[in-house]
Protein backbone atom coordinates (compact mmCIF):
# COMPACT_ATOMS: atom_id res chain seq x y z
CA MET A 1 37.45 53.58 30.21
CA THR A 2 36.96 56.56 27.88
CA ARG A 3 34.43 56.59 25.05
CA PRO A 4 35.25 58.26 21.76
CA ALA A 5 33.79 61.76 21.64
CA GLY A 6 30.70 62.17 19.52
CA ARG A 7 29.62 58.55 19.25
CA LEU A 8 26.66 58.96 21.59
CA ASP A 9 25.71 62.23 19.91
CA ASP A 10 25.79 60.54 16.49
CA LEU A 11 23.66 57.66 17.74
CA LEU A 12 21.09 59.98 19.30
CA ASN A 13 20.94 62.14 16.18
CA ARG A 14 20.33 59.09 13.98
CA LEU A 15 17.67 57.77 16.37
CA VAL A 16 15.82 61.09 16.53
CA GLY A 17 16.13 61.48 12.76
CA THR A 18 14.68 58.01 12.18
CA CYS A 19 11.75 58.66 14.52
CA LEU A 20 10.99 62.04 12.95
CA SER A 21 11.23 60.58 9.46
CA ARG A 22 8.82 57.75 10.33
CA PHE A 23 6.38 60.20 11.95
CA SER A 24 6.63 62.54 8.97
CA ARG A 25 5.90 59.70 6.51
CA LEU A 26 2.92 58.56 8.57
CA GLN A 27 1.58 62.11 8.82
CA THR A 28 1.93 62.57 5.05
CA LEU A 29 0.07 59.31 4.42
CA THR A 30 -2.66 60.32 6.87
CA ASP A 31 -3.06 63.75 5.29
CA LEU A 32 -3.24 62.31 1.76
CA TRP A 33 -5.19 59.13 2.58
CA PRO A 34 -8.41 60.34 0.84
CA GLN A 35 -6.46 60.94 -2.39
CA ILE A 36 -4.64 57.61 -2.07
CA VAL A 37 -7.64 55.32 -1.43
CA GLY A 38 -10.63 57.51 -2.30
CA LYS A 39 -13.09 59.38 -0.12
CA THR A 40 -15.33 56.43 0.73
CA LEU A 41 -12.56 54.07 1.84
CA SER A 42 -10.74 56.88 3.64
CA ARG A 43 -13.81 57.38 5.85
CA LEU A 44 -13.59 53.70 6.81
CA SER A 45 -9.82 53.46 7.37
CA HIS A 46 -6.68 55.36 8.27
CA PRO A 47 -2.92 54.71 8.42
CA HIS A 48 -1.91 53.66 11.91
CA GLY A 49 1.81 52.96 11.83
CA ILE A 50 4.88 52.07 9.83
CA ARG A 51 7.22 49.34 10.98
CA GLY A 52 10.01 48.37 8.65
CA PHE A 53 8.40 48.01 5.23
CA VAL A 54 4.85 47.41 6.56
CA LEU A 55 2.11 50.04 6.74
CA THR A 56 -0.57 49.08 9.25
CA VAL A 57 -4.01 50.47 8.42
CA LEU A 58 -6.92 50.45 10.86
CA ALA A 59 -10.29 49.80 9.24
CA SER A 60 -13.75 50.08 10.74
CA SER A 61 -15.18 46.91 9.18
CA ASP A 62 -14.24 43.55 7.73
CA ALA A 63 -15.46 44.79 4.35
CA ALA A 64 -13.02 47.71 4.47
CA VAL A 65 -10.19 45.32 5.44
CA GLN A 66 -11.04 43.14 2.44
CA GLU A 67 -11.19 46.16 0.10
CA LEU A 68 -7.79 47.38 1.30
CA ALA A 69 -6.32 43.90 0.82
CA LEU A 70 -7.78 43.57 -2.68
CA ARG A 71 -6.52 47.03 -3.72
CA GLN A 72 -3.10 46.68 -2.09
CA ARG A 73 -1.09 46.92 -5.35
CA GLU A 74 -3.02 49.96 -6.52
CA ILE A 75 -2.66 51.65 -3.12
CA LEU A 76 1.07 50.89 -3.00
CA ARG A 77 1.52 52.46 -6.45
CA GLU A 78 -0.09 55.66 -5.15
CA ILE A 79 1.99 55.59 -1.96
CA HIS A 80 5.21 55.13 -3.93
CA LYS A 81 4.51 58.39 -5.76
CA LEU A 82 5.04 60.20 -2.45
CA PRO A 83 8.48 61.31 -1.26
CA ASP A 84 10.28 58.92 1.13
CA SER A 85 7.57 56.26 0.88
CA SER A 86 9.16 53.74 -1.47
CA ALA A 87 10.26 51.56 1.47
CA ILE A 88 6.64 50.60 2.17
CA ARG A 89 6.08 47.23 0.50
CA VAL A 90 3.11 45.74 2.38
CA ILE A 91 -0.20 47.09 3.61
CA ARG A 92 -1.56 45.24 6.63
CA PRO A 93 -5.20 46.18 7.19
CA ILE A 94 -6.63 45.42 10.64
CA CYS A 95 -10.24 45.72 11.76
CA ARG A 96 -10.39 47.86 14.89
């Protein structure tokens, strides 16, 4: 059985592109986190990962988790101002 030429290459290129895009978005969020949430909250939290439309944020305390949850809409508005970040619809803060 012969596979069509290029199909595996196309699949690998899309997979690598998706991974790089996700990493790039996470790195951008990490770099700009103090501007997005403010200096105080940025010292207590940081973006951890993006899966689908969910941004997971690690926080150092329950109070920081609660603050992130309460300010979710405001934080999302700031995130959506960034390139390639409009797909993020939910912030899931987790106490580490």
